[in-house]
Amino acid sequence: MRDIDACVEIIRSFYVRGWVLGTGGNFSVLLTRKPFRLAITSSGIDKGIIAPEHFPHVDASGNVVEGTGKPTAEAGLHLAVLAAVNAGAVFHTHSVWATLLSTIYFPSGGLHIEGYEMLKGLHGVDSHTHREWLPIIENSQNIPSLGDTVQKLLEESPTVHGFLIRGHGLYTWGKTIYEAKQHVEIFEFLLEVIGRRRTMLIET
């Protein structure tokens, strides 16, 4: 399972960067669509010591079909994303900037990001003039309901590359684990830029 091994290294790199401290964040890798098999991080695993055995395999209903451990409580959100977009991996981080900005911009329903060269790191974007919409949804411990919200959001806004959950963090995805990694890095960079601009009292 080379993708899982590579995903472990990616998660550890995110841990070092402060994006998934402690047990925060969760990650999934699509193994096959027919039959549907998803490798997803176990619940309550410290991301600084995560290993390949911490990825149970689940079916389209979130039931474990291989491996041990309880899948992350947010498995339903990964399944909702994969039901709505053509992705091979879904990554969720808990960074400081994503958490703060998701609260600040929640009343607006999200935030537009434009004018930054780093936007070209998002799939299909070829200019800094691109205007990226990053929606923000309300947090909830009712995962089935939150999953329905996510799926509806992505069906209505199929061109977005990610979304924020208020007071929680970033969800993004990619056709491969490497594209998903790239999207995390791009969004985290852009969110930090926006956050730092606010602290410097520069209009955004």
N, C-alpha and C. Protein backbone atom coordinates (compact mmCIF):
# COMPACT_ATOMS: atom_id res chain seq x y z
N MET A 1 0.84 -1.19 0.00
CA MET A 1 0.00 0.00 0.00
C MET A 1 0.89 1.26 0.00
N ARG A 2 1.49 1.53 -1.15
CA ARG A 2 2.42 2.65 -1.23
C ARG A 2 1.74 3.99 -0.94
N ASP A 3 0.48 4.14 -1.37
CA ASP A 3 -0.22 5.40 -1.12
C ASP A 3 -0.40 5.65 0.37
N ILE A 4 -0.68 4.59 1.12
CA ILE A 4 -0.85 4.76 2.56
C ILE A 4 0.48 5.12 3.22
N ASP A 5 1.55 4.45 2.80
CA ASP A 5 2.88 4.79 3.33
C ASP A 5 3.21 6.25 3.04
N ALA A 6 2.93 6.68 1.81
CA ALA A 6 3.21 8.07 1.43
C ALA A 6 2.33 9.03 2.22
N CYS A 7 1.08 8.64 2.45
CA CYS A 7 0.16 9.48 3.21
C CYS A 7 0.65 9.66 4.64
N VAL A 8 1.20 8.61 5.22
CA VAL A 8 1.75 8.70 6.58
C VAL A 8 2.85 9.76 6.63
N GLU A 9 3.72 9.75 5.64
CA GLU A 9 4.80 10.74 5.61
C GLU A 9 4.26 12.15 5.44
N ILE A 10 3.22 12.30 4.63
CA ILE A 10 2.60 13.61 4.44
C ILE A 10 1.99 14.11 5.75
N ILE A 11 1.27 13.23 6.44
CA ILE A 11 0.64 13.61 7.71
C ILE A 11 1.70 14.03 8.72
N ARG A 12 2.78 13.29 8.78
CA ARG A 12 3.84 13.65 9.73
C ARG A 12 4.45 15.00 9.39
N SER A 13 4.56 15.30 8.09
CA SER A 13 5.09 16.60 7.69
C SER A 13 4.12 17.72 8.08
N PHE A 14 2.82 17.45 7.98
CA PHE A 14 1.82 18.44 8.40
C PHE A 14 1.87 18.65 9.91
N TYR A 15 2.13 17.57 10.64
CA TYR A 15 2.26 17.66 12.11
C TYR A 15 3.40 18.61 12.48
N VAL A 16 4.52 18.43 11.81
CA VAL A 16 5.69 19.27 12.09
C VAL A 16 5.38 20.74 11.80
N ARG A 17 4.53 20.98 10.81
CA ARG A 17 4.18 22.36 10.43
C ARG A 17 3.06 22.94 11.30
N GLY A 18 2.55 22.14 12.23
CA GLY A 18 1.55 22.63 13.15
C GLY A 18 0.13 22.61 12.63
N TRP A 19 -0.12 21.86 11.58
CA TRP A 19 -1.45 21.83 10.97
C TRP A 19 -2.33 20.72 11.51
N VAL A 20 -1.74 19.73 12.17
CA VAL A 20 -2.52 18.60 12.72
C VAL A 20 -1.92 18.17 14.06
N LEU A 21 -1.88 19.07 15.00
CA LEU A 21 -1.29 18.77 16.30
C LEU A 21 -2.16 17.80 17.08
N GLY A 22 -1.51 17.01 17.93
CA GLY A 22 -2.24 16.04 18.75
C GLY A 22 -3.03 15.08 17.88
N THR A 23 -4.29 14.90 18.22
CA THR A 23 -5.14 13.98 17.46
C THR A 23 -5.94 14.70 16.38
N GLY A 24 -5.66 15.98 16.16
CA GLY A 24 -6.42 16.77 15.20
C GLY A 24 -6.22 16.30 13.77
N GLY A 25 -7.26 16.51 12.95
CA GLY A 25 -7.20 16.20 11.53
C GLY A 25 -7.52 14.75 11.22
N ASN A 26 -7.87 14.50 9.97
CA ASN A 26 -8.09 13.14 9.49
C ASN A 26 -7.88 13.09 7.99
N PHE A 27 -7.54 11.90 7.50
CA PHE A 27 -7.08 11.75 6.12
C PHE A 27 -7.60 10.44 5.54
N SER A 28 -7.91 10.46 4.25
CA SER A 28 -8.37 9.24 3.61
C SER A 28 -7.77 9.11 2.21
N VAL A 29 -7.62 7.86 1.79
CA VAL A 29 -7.10 7.53 0.47
C VAL A 29 -8.05 6.52 -0.16
N LEU A 30 -8.56 6.84 -1.35
CA LEU A 30 -9.46 5.93 -2.05
C LEU A 30 -8.64 4.80 -2.67
N LEU A 31 -8.95 3.58 -2.28
CA LEU A 31 -8.23 2.41 -2.81
C LEU A 31 -8.86 1.92 -4.09
N THR A 32 -10.17 1.70 -4.08
CA THR A 32 -10.91 1.29 -5.28
C THR A 32 -12.32 1.87 -5.19
N ARG A 33 -12.94 2.08 -6.36
CA ARG A 33 -14.34 2.52 -6.38
C ARG A 33 -15.29 1.35 -6.57
N LYS A 34 -14.85 0.29 -7.23
CA LYS A 34 -15.69 -0.88 -7.44
C LYS A 34 -14.87 -2.13 -7.14
N PRO A 35 -15.06 -2.73 -5.97
CA PRO A 35 -15.91 -2.27 -4.88
C PRO A 35 -15.30 -1.07 -4.18
N PHE A 36 -16.15 -0.27 -3.55
CA PHE A 36 -15.67 0.94 -2.89
C PHE A 36 -14.88 0.56 -1.64
N ARG A 37 -13.63 1.00 -1.61
CA ARG A 37 -12.77 0.76 -0.46
C ARG A 37 -11.96 2.03 -0.17
N LEU A 38 -12.07 2.48 1.06
CA LEU A 38 -11.40 3.71 1.47
C LEU A 38 -10.54 3.44 2.69
N ALA A 39 -9.27 3.80 2.61
CA ALA A 39 -8.38 3.74 3.77
C ALA A 39 -8.47 5.09 4.47
N ILE A 40 -8.80 5.08 5.76
CA ILE A 40 -9.02 6.33 6.48
C ILE A 40 -8.41 6.25 7.87
N THR A 41 -7.93 7.36 8.36
CA THR A 41 -7.25 7.37 9.66
C THR A 41 -8.18 6.97 10.80
N SER A 42 -7.60 6.27 11.76
CA SER A 42 -8.34 5.85 12.95
C SER A 42 -8.64 7.04 13.85
N SER A 43 -9.65 6.88 14.67
CA SER A 43 -10.04 7.92 15.63
C SER A 43 -9.01 8.01 16.76
N GLY A 44 -8.71 9.23 17.17
CA GLY A 44 -7.89 9.45 18.36
C GLY A 44 -6.41 9.16 18.22
N ILE A 45 -5.90 9.14 16.99
CA ILE A 45 -4.48 8.85 16.78
C ILE A 45 -3.68 10.15 16.72
N ASP A 46 -2.64 10.23 17.53
CA ASP A 46 -1.73 11.37 17.50
C ASP A 46 -1.03 11.38 16.14
N LYS A 47 -1.16 12.47 15.41
CA LYS A 47 -0.62 12.52 14.05
C LYS A 47 0.90 12.57 14.01
N GLY A 48 1.51 12.83 15.14
CA GLY A 48 2.97 12.81 15.17
C GLY A 48 3.55 11.42 15.18
N ILE A 49 2.72 10.41 15.52
CA ILE A 49 3.21 9.03 15.59
C ILE A 49 2.35 8.10 14.73
N ILE A 50 1.62 8.66 13.77
CA ILE A 50 0.75 7.84 12.94
C ILE A 50 1.56 6.86 12.11
N ALA A 51 0.97 5.69 11.84
CA ALA A 51 1.64 4.63 11.09
C ALA A 51 0.62 3.98 10.15
N PRO A 52 1.08 3.19 9.17
CA PRO A 52 0.16 2.57 8.21
C PRO A 52 -0.93 1.73 8.85
N GLU A 53 -0.66 1.11 10.00
CA GLU A 53 -1.69 0.28 10.64
C GLU A 53 -2.83 1.11 11.23
N HIS A 54 -2.70 2.42 11.20
CA HIS A 54 -3.75 3.29 11.71
C HIS A 54 -4.73 3.71 10.61
N PHE A 55 -4.78 2.93 9.52
CA PHE A 55 -5.68 3.20 8.40
C PHE A 55 -6.60 2.01 8.15
N PRO A 56 -7.68 1.85 8.92
CA PRO A 56 -8.64 0.79 8.59
C PRO A 56 -9.29 1.08 7.24
N HIS A 57 -9.73 0.00 6.57
CA HIS A 57 -10.41 0.15 5.29
C HIS A 57 -11.91 0.08 5.52
N VAL A 58 -12.65 1.00 4.90
CA VAL A 58 -14.10 1.01 5.06
C VAL A 58 -14.78 0.92 3.71
N ASP A 59 -16.07 0.51 3.74
CA ASP A 59 -16.86 0.48 2.52
C ASP A 59 -17.63 1.79 2.38
N ALA A 60 -18.53 1.85 1.40
CA ALA A 60 -19.24 3.09 1.10
C ALA A 60 -20.17 3.53 2.22
N SER A 61 -20.45 2.63 3.16
CA SER A 61 -21.29 2.96 4.31
C SER A 61 -20.47 3.30 5.54
N GLY A 62 -19.15 3.24 5.42
CA GLY A 62 -18.28 3.53 6.55
C GLY A 62 -18.00 2.35 7.45
N ASN A 63 -18.41 1.16 7.02
CA ASN A 63 -18.17 -0.05 7.82
C ASN A 63 -16.76 -0.57 7.58
N VAL A 64 -16.08 -0.97 8.64
CA VAL A 64 -14.72 -1.50 8.51
C VAL A 64 -14.76 -2.87 7.85
N VAL A 65 -13.99 -3.02 6.77
CA VAL A 65 -13.93 -4.30 6.06
C VAL A 65 -12.54 -4.92 6.15
N GLU A 66 -11.57 -4.14 6.61
CA GLU A 66 -10.21 -4.65 6.76
C GLU A 66 -9.46 -3.76 7.74
N GLY A 67 -8.59 -4.37 8.53
CA GLY A 67 -7.80 -3.63 9.49
C GLY A 67 -8.48 -3.53 10.84
N THR A 68 -7.82 -2.86 11.75
CA THR A 68 -8.35 -2.71 13.11
C THR A 68 -8.43 -1.24 13.47
N GLY A 69 -9.10 -0.97 14.55
CA GLY A 69 -9.25 0.41 14.99
C GLY A 69 -10.55 1.01 14.49
N LYS A 70 -11.02 2.00 15.20
CA LYS A 70 -12.26 2.68 14.85
C LYS A 70 -11.95 3.84 13.91
N PRO A 71 -12.61 3.90 12.74
CA PRO A 71 -12.36 5.01 11.82
C PRO A 71 -12.69 6.35 12.48
N THR A 72 -12.05 7.39 12.02
CA THR A 72 -12.35 8.73 12.51
C THR A 72 -13.85 8.98 12.53
N ALA A 73 -14.30 9.74 13.51
CA ALA A 73 -15.72 10.06 13.63
C ALA A 73 -16.22 10.85 12.43
N GLU A 74 -15.30 11.46 11.69
CA GLU A 74 -15.68 12.28 10.54
C GLU A 74 -15.60 11.51 9.22
N ALA A 75 -15.59 10.19 9.29
CA ALA A 75 -15.54 9.38 8.07
C ALA A 75 -16.69 9.74 7.13
N GLY A 76 -17.85 10.06 7.70
CA GLY A 76 -19.00 10.41 6.87
C GLY A 76 -18.77 11.63 6.01
N LEU A 77 -17.93 12.55 6.46
CA LEU A 77 -17.63 13.73 5.66
C LEU A 77 -16.72 13.38 4.49
N HIS A 78 -15.78 12.49 4.71
CA HIS A 78 -14.93 12.01 3.61
C HIS A 78 -15.78 11.30 2.57
N LEU A 79 -16.70 10.47 3.03
CA LEU A 79 -17.58 9.75 2.10
C LEU A 79 -18.47 10.73 1.33
N ALA A 80 -18.92 11.79 1.99
CA ALA A 80 -19.75 12.79 1.32
C ALA A 80 -18.97 13.51 0.23
N VAL A 81 -17.72 13.85 0.52
CA VAL A 81 -16.87 14.50 -0.49
C VAL A 81 -16.68 13.59 -1.68
N LEU A 82 -16.35 12.33 -1.42
CA LEU A 82 -16.07 11.38 -2.50
C LEU A 82 -17.31 11.05 -3.31
N ALA A 83 -18.49 11.21 -2.71
CA ALA A 83 -19.74 10.98 -3.45
C ALA A 83 -20.03 12.14 -4.40
N ALA A 84 -19.44 13.30 -4.12
CA ALA A 84 -19.77 14.50 -4.89
C ALA A 84 -18.69 14.92 -5.88
N VAL A 85 -17.44 14.56 -5.63
CA VAL A 85 -16.35 14.99 -6.51
C VAL A 85 -15.51 13.79 -6.92
N ASN A 86 -14.78 13.97 -8.02
CA ASN A 86 -13.90 12.91 -8.52
C ASN A 86 -12.54 13.06 -7.85
N ALA A 87 -12.42 12.49 -6.67
CA ALA A 87 -11.19 12.63 -5.90
C ALA A 87 -10.64 11.27 -5.51
N GLY A 88 -9.33 11.25 -5.25
CA GLY A 88 -8.70 10.02 -4.81
C GLY A 88 -8.19 10.11 -3.39
N ALA A 89 -8.29 11.30 -2.80
CA ALA A 89 -7.85 11.50 -1.41
C ALA A 89 -8.54 12.73 -0.84
N VAL A 90 -8.86 12.66 0.44
CA VAL A 90 -9.48 13.78 1.15
C VAL A 90 -8.66 14.06 2.41
N PHE A 91 -8.24 15.31 2.57
CA PHE A 91 -7.39 15.69 3.71
C PHE A 91 -8.08 16.77 4.53
N HIS A 92 -7.99 16.64 5.85
CA HIS A 92 -8.60 17.61 6.77
C HIS A 92 -7.58 18.03 7.81
N THR A 93 -7.31 19.34 7.88
CA THR A 93 -6.32 19.86 8.81
C THR A 93 -6.98 20.78 9.85
N HIS A 94 -6.26 20.98 10.96
CA HIS A 94 -6.75 21.80 12.08
C HIS A 94 -5.75 22.92 12.37
N SER A 95 -5.44 23.73 11.39
CA SER A 95 -4.44 24.77 11.62
C SER A 95 -5.02 25.96 12.38
N VAL A 96 -4.14 26.76 12.94
CA VAL A 96 -4.56 27.96 13.66
C VAL A 96 -5.30 28.93 12.74
N TRP A 97 -4.71 29.20 11.56
CA TRP A 97 -5.32 30.19 10.67
C TRP A 97 -6.66 29.73 10.12
N ALA A 98 -6.78 28.47 9.74
CA ALA A 98 -8.05 27.97 9.23
C ALA A 98 -9.12 28.04 10.32
N THR A 99 -8.73 27.73 11.54
CA THR A 99 -9.68 27.77 12.65
C THR A 99 -10.15 29.20 12.93
N LEU A 100 -9.21 30.13 12.99
CA LEU A 100 -9.56 31.53 13.27
C LEU A 100 -10.40 32.14 12.15
N LEU A 101 -9.93 31.99 10.91
CA LEU A 101 -10.62 32.64 9.80
C LEU A 101 -11.98 32.02 9.52
N SER A 102 -12.13 30.74 9.82
CA SER A 102 -13.44 30.11 9.62
C SER A 102 -14.48 30.72 10.55
N THR A 103 -14.04 31.21 11.68
CA THR A 103 -14.95 31.88 12.63
C THR A 103 -15.21 33.33 12.21
N ILE A 104 -14.15 34.02 11.80
CA ILE A 104 -14.28 35.43 11.43
C ILE A 104 -15.18 35.61 10.20
N TYR A 105 -14.99 34.75 9.19
CA TYR A 105 -15.71 34.91 7.92
C TYR A 105 -17.01 34.12 7.84
N PHE A 106 -17.33 33.38 8.89
CA PHE A 106 -18.55 32.56 8.85
C PHE A 106 -19.81 33.37 8.54
N PRO A 107 -19.99 34.57 9.11
CA PRO A 107 -21.21 35.33 8.80
C PRO A 107 -21.38 35.64 7.30
N SER A 108 -20.27 35.65 6.55
CA SER A 108 -20.32 35.91 5.11
C SER A 108 -20.51 34.64 4.30
N GLY A 109 -20.53 33.49 4.97
CA GLY A 109 -20.70 32.23 4.27
C GLY A 109 -19.44 31.67 3.65
N GLY A 110 -18.34 32.43 3.76
CA GLY A 110 -17.09 31.98 3.19
C GLY A 110 -16.21 33.18 2.88
N LEU A 111 -15.14 32.96 2.14
CA LEU A 111 -14.29 34.07 1.75
C LEU A 111 -13.78 33.88 0.34
N HIS A 112 -13.67 35.00 -0.38
CA HIS A 112 -13.08 35.00 -1.71
C HIS A 112 -11.58 35.25 -1.57
N ILE A 113 -10.80 34.51 -2.34
CA ILE A 113 -9.35 34.68 -2.33
C ILE A 113 -8.93 34.97 -3.77
N GLU A 114 -8.26 36.08 -3.98
CA GLU A 114 -7.83 36.43 -5.34
C GLU A 114 -6.59 37.30 -5.29
N GLY A 115 -5.89 37.33 -6.42
CA GLY A 115 -4.73 38.20 -6.55
C GLY A 115 -3.42 37.62 -6.08
N TYR A 116 -3.41 36.34 -5.74
CA TYR A 116 -2.19 35.70 -5.23
C TYR A 116 -1.67 34.65 -6.21
N GLU A 117 -0.38 34.71 -6.49
CA GLU A 117 0.24 33.77 -7.41
C GLU A 117 0.06 32.32 -6.96
N MET A 118 0.03 32.10 -5.65
CA MET A 118 -0.09 30.73 -5.14
C MET A 118 -1.41 30.06 -5.50
N LEU A 119 -2.40 30.83 -5.92
CA LEU A 119 -3.66 30.23 -6.36
C LEU A 119 -3.44 29.26 -7.51
N LYS A 120 -2.38 29.47 -8.28
CA LYS A 120 -2.09 28.61 -9.43
C LYS A 120 -1.71 27.20 -9.01
N GLY A 121 -1.53 26.98 -7.72
CA GLY A 121 -1.27 25.63 -7.23
C GLY A 121 -2.53 24.80 -7.09
N LEU A 122 -3.70 25.42 -7.25
CA LEU A 122 -4.96 24.68 -7.21
C LEU A 122 -5.26 24.09 -8.58
N HIS A 123 -5.79 22.90 -8.61
CA HIS A 123 -6.04 22.20 -9.86
C HIS A 123 -6.90 23.04 -10.80
N GLY A 124 -6.42 23.22 -12.04
CA GLY A 124 -7.18 23.92 -13.06
C GLY A 124 -7.06 25.42 -13.04
N VAL A 125 -6.34 25.98 -12.08
CA VAL A 125 -6.18 27.43 -11.98
C VAL A 125 -4.87 27.83 -12.66
N ASP A 126 -4.95 28.81 -13.58
CA ASP A 126 -3.74 29.17 -14.34
C ASP A 126 -3.38 30.65 -14.24
N SER A 127 -4.04 31.38 -13.34
CA SER A 127 -3.73 32.80 -13.22
C SER A 127 -3.95 33.29 -11.79
N HIS A 128 -3.13 34.26 -11.40
CA HIS A 128 -3.31 34.87 -10.08
C HIS A 128 -4.60 35.68 -10.01
N THR A 129 -5.20 35.96 -11.17
CA THR A 129 -6.46 36.72 -11.18
C THR A 129 -7.67 35.86 -10.85
N HIS A 130 -7.47 34.55 -10.75
CA HIS A 130 -8.56 33.65 -10.39
C HIS A 130 -9.16 34.07 -9.05
N ARG A 131 -10.48 33.96 -8.94
CA ARG A 131 -11.17 34.28 -7.68
C ARG A 131 -11.71 32.99 -7.09
N GLU A 132 -11.05 32.53 -6.05
CA GLU A 132 -11.42 31.26 -5.41
C GLU A 132 -12.41 31.52 -4.28
N TRP A 133 -13.51 30.78 -4.31
CA TRP A 133 -14.50 30.84 -3.24
C TRP A 133 -14.24 29.69 -2.28
N LEU A 134 -14.02 30.02 -1.02
CA LEU A 134 -13.81 29.01 0.01
C LEU A 134 -14.99 29.08 0.98
N PRO A 135 -15.98 28.20 0.81
CA PRO A 135 -17.18 28.25 1.65
C PRO A 135 -16.88 27.85 3.09
N ILE A 136 -17.73 28.31 3.99
CA ILE A 136 -17.63 27.94 5.41
C ILE A 136 -18.98 27.43 5.87
N ILE A 137 -18.99 26.25 6.46
CA ILE A 137 -20.23 25.67 6.97
C ILE A 137 -20.16 25.59 8.49
N GLU A 138 -21.33 25.52 9.09
CA GLU A 138 -21.41 25.43 10.55
C GLU A 138 -20.92 24.07 11.03
N ASN A 139 -20.25 24.07 12.16
CA ASN A 139 -19.79 22.82 12.76
C ASN A 139 -20.96 22.10 13.44
N SER A 140 -20.85 20.79 13.54
CA SER A 140 -21.88 19.99 14.20
C SER A 140 -21.29 18.64 14.57
N GLN A 141 -21.76 18.07 15.67
CA GLN A 141 -21.37 16.72 16.04
C GLN A 141 -22.30 15.69 15.41
N ASN A 142 -23.33 16.17 14.71
CA ASN A 142 -24.23 15.28 13.97
C ASN A 142 -23.63 15.04 12.59
N ILE A 143 -22.78 14.03 12.49
CA ILE A 143 -22.02 13.80 11.27
C ILE A 143 -22.91 13.46 10.07
N PRO A 144 -23.95 12.64 10.20
CA PRO A 144 -24.82 12.41 9.04
C PRO A 144 -25.42 13.71 8.48
N SER A 145 -25.87 14.59 9.37
CA SER A 145 -26.43 15.87 8.93
C SER A 145 -25.35 16.74 8.30
N LEU A 146 -24.17 16.76 8.91
CA LEU A 146 -23.07 17.55 8.37
C LEU A 146 -22.64 17.00 7.01
N GLY A 147 -22.66 15.67 6.87
CA GLY A 147 -22.33 15.06 5.59
C GLY A 147 -23.31 15.46 4.50
N ASP A 148 -24.59 15.53 4.84
CA ASP A 148 -25.60 15.99 3.88
C ASP A 148 -25.33 17.43 3.45
N THR A 149 -24.94 18.25 4.42
CA THR A 149 -24.62 19.65 4.12
C THR A 149 -23.43 19.74 3.17
N VAL A 150 -22.41 18.92 3.42
CA VAL A 150 -21.22 18.91 2.57
C VAL A 150 -21.56 18.46 1.16
N GLN A 151 -22.32 17.39 1.04
CA GLN A 151 -22.65 16.87 -0.29
C GLN A 151 -23.49 17.89 -1.07
N LYS A 152 -24.44 18.53 -0.41
CA LYS A 152 -25.25 19.55 -1.07
C LYS A 152 -24.39 20.73 -1.51
N LEU A 153 -23.47 21.15 -0.64
CA LEU A 153 -22.57 22.25 -0.96
C LEU A 153 -21.77 21.95 -2.22
N LEU A 154 -21.21 20.75 -2.30
CA LEU A 154 -20.36 20.41 -3.43
C LEU A 154 -21.15 20.19 -4.71
N GLU A 155 -22.38 19.75 -4.58
CA GLU A 155 -23.23 19.61 -5.76
C GLU A 155 -23.63 20.97 -6.30
N GLU A 156 -23.81 21.95 -5.41
CA GLU A 156 -24.19 23.30 -5.83
C GLU A 156 -22.99 24.14 -6.25
N SER A 157 -21.81 23.80 -5.75
CA SER A 157 -20.58 24.56 -6.06
C SER A 157 -19.48 23.59 -6.47
N PRO A 158 -19.63 22.97 -7.65
CA PRO A 158 -18.71 21.90 -8.04
C PRO A 158 -17.29 22.35 -8.36
N THR A 159 -17.05 23.66 -8.49
CA THR A 159 -15.71 24.11 -8.86
C THR A 159 -14.83 24.47 -7.67
N VAL A 160 -15.38 24.40 -6.45
CA VAL A 160 -14.55 24.75 -5.29
C VAL A 160 -13.50 23.66 -5.07
N HIS A 161 -12.40 24.04 -4.44
CA HIS A 161 -11.31 23.11 -4.16
C HIS A 161 -11.26 22.69 -2.69
N GLY A 162 -12.14 23.26 -1.89
CA GLY A 162 -12.15 22.94 -0.46
C GLY A 162 -13.22 23.73 0.26
N PHE A 163 -13.32 23.52 1.55
CA PHE A 163 -14.24 24.29 2.38
C PHE A 163 -13.72 24.31 3.81
N LEU A 164 -14.23 25.24 4.59
CA LEU A 164 -13.90 25.34 6.00
C LEU A 164 -15.12 24.97 6.84
N ILE A 165 -14.87 24.41 8.01
CA ILE A 165 -15.92 24.20 9.00
C ILE A 165 -15.63 25.17 10.14
N ARG A 166 -16.64 25.91 10.54
CA ARG A 166 -16.45 26.98 11.51
C ARG A 166 -15.81 26.48 12.81
N GLY A 167 -14.74 27.16 13.20
CA GLY A 167 -14.05 26.82 14.43
C GLY A 167 -13.39 25.46 14.41
N HIS A 168 -13.17 24.92 13.22
CA HIS A 168 -12.75 23.52 13.12
C HIS A 168 -11.54 23.36 12.20
N GLY A 169 -11.66 23.74 10.95
CA GLY A 169 -10.51 23.58 10.07
C GLY A 169 -10.88 23.43 8.61
N LEU A 170 -9.90 23.00 7.82
CA LEU A 170 -9.97 22.92 6.37
C LEU A 170 -10.21 21.51 5.88
N TYR A 171 -11.07 21.37 4.89
CA TYR A 171 -11.20 20.13 4.12
C TYR A 171 -10.84 20.45 2.68
N THR A 172 -9.99 19.63 2.09
CA THR A 172 -9.69 19.74 0.68
C THR A 172 -9.37 18.35 0.15
N TRP A 173 -9.17 18.22 -1.15
CA TRP A 173 -9.04 16.90 -1.77
C TRP A 173 -8.23 17.02 -3.05
N GLY A 174 -7.95 15.89 -3.66
CA GLY A 174 -7.25 15.87 -4.93
C GLY A 174 -7.44 14.54 -5.60
N LYS A 175 -7.09 14.47 -6.87
CA LYS A 175 -7.21 13.21 -7.60
C LYS A 175 -6.22 12.18 -7.08
N THR A 176 -5.11 12.67 -6.52
CA THR A 176 -4.10 11.81 -5.90
C THR A 176 -3.76 12.37 -4.52
N ILE A 177 -3.04 11.60 -3.73
CA ILE A 177 -2.63 12.11 -2.42
C ILE A 177 -1.70 13.30 -2.57
N TYR A 178 -0.95 13.33 -3.67
CA TYR A 178 -0.01 14.42 -3.86
C TYR A 178 -0.73 15.71 -4.25
N GLU A 179 -1.80 15.59 -5.03
CA GLU A 179 -2.59 16.78 -5.34
C GLU A 179 -3.31 17.27 -4.09
N ALA A 180 -3.83 16.35 -3.29
CA ALA A 180 -4.48 16.74 -2.03
C ALA A 180 -3.47 17.45 -1.12
N LYS A 181 -2.26 16.92 -1.03
CA LYS A 181 -1.20 17.56 -0.23
C LYS A 181 -0.93 18.97 -0.74
N GLN A 182 -0.83 19.10 -2.05
CA GLN A 182 -0.57 20.41 -2.64
C GLN A 182 -1.69 21.38 -2.31
N HIS A 183 -2.93 20.92 -2.38
CA HIS A 183 -4.06 21.80 -2.08
C HIS A 183 -4.04 22.24 -0.62
N VAL A 184 -3.69 21.34 0.29
CA VAL A 184 -3.55 21.73 1.69
C VAL A 184 -2.50 22.83 1.82
N GLU A 185 -1.35 22.62 1.22
CA GLU A 185 -0.26 23.58 1.33
C GLU A 185 -0.65 24.94 0.75
N ILE A 186 -1.34 24.93 -0.39
CA ILE A 186 -1.76 26.19 -1.01
C ILE A 186 -2.76 26.92 -0.13
N PHE A 187 -3.79 26.20 0.32
CA PHE A 187 -4.81 26.84 1.16
C PHE A 187 -4.22 27.34 2.48
N GLU A 188 -3.37 26.53 3.09
CA GLU A 188 -2.80 26.95 4.37
C GLU A 188 -1.93 28.20 4.20
N PHE A 189 -1.19 28.26 3.10
CA PHE A 189 -0.39 29.45 2.81
C PHE A 189 -1.30 30.67 2.64
N LEU A 190 -2.35 30.52 1.82
CA LEU A 190 -3.24 31.65 1.54
C LEU A 190 -3.99 32.11 2.78
N LEU A 191 -4.44 31.15 3.60
CA LEU A 191 -5.14 31.52 4.83
C LEU A 191 -4.21 32.26 5.79
N GLU A 192 -2.97 31.83 5.85
CA GLU A 192 -2.03 32.54 6.72
C GLU A 192 -1.77 33.95 6.20
N VAL A 193 -1.66 34.10 4.88
CA VAL A 193 -1.47 35.44 4.31
C VAL A 193 -2.64 36.35 4.68
N ILE A 194 -3.86 35.83 4.51
CA ILE A 194 -5.05 36.63 4.83
C ILE A 194 -5.08 36.97 6.31
N GLY A 195 -4.78 35.99 7.14
CA GLY A 195 -4.77 36.23 8.58
C GLY A 195 -3.72 37.25 8.99
N ARG A 196 -2.54 37.15 8.42
CA ARG A 196 -1.47 38.09 8.78
C ARG A 196 -1.79 39.49 8.26
N ARG A 197 -2.42 39.58 7.10
CA ARG A 197 -2.83 40.89 6.59
C ARG A 197 -3.80 41.56 7.57
N ARG A 198 -4.69 40.76 8.12
CA ARG A 198 -5.65 41.31 9.09
C ARG A 198 -4.92 41.81 10.34
N THR A 199 -3.94 41.07 10.80
CA THR A 199 -3.22 41.50 12.01
C THR A 199 -2.39 42.75 11.75
N MET A 200 -2.03 42.98 10.47
CA MET A 200 -1.27 44.17 10.10
C MET A 200 -2.19 45.33 9.71
N LEU A 201 -3.52 45.09 9.88
CA LEU A 201 -4.53 46.11 9.58
C LEU A 201 -4.50 46.53 8.12
N ILE A 202 -4.18 45.55 7.24
CA ILE A 202 -4.23 45.80 5.80
C ILE A 202 -5.57 45.31 5.31
N GLU A 203 -6.28 46.12 4.56
CA GLU A 203 -7.62 45.75 4.10
C GLU A 203 -7.55 44.52 3.21
N THR A 204 -8.47 43.56 3.42
CA THR A 204 -8.52 42.35 2.60
C THR A 204 -9.84 42.29 1.86
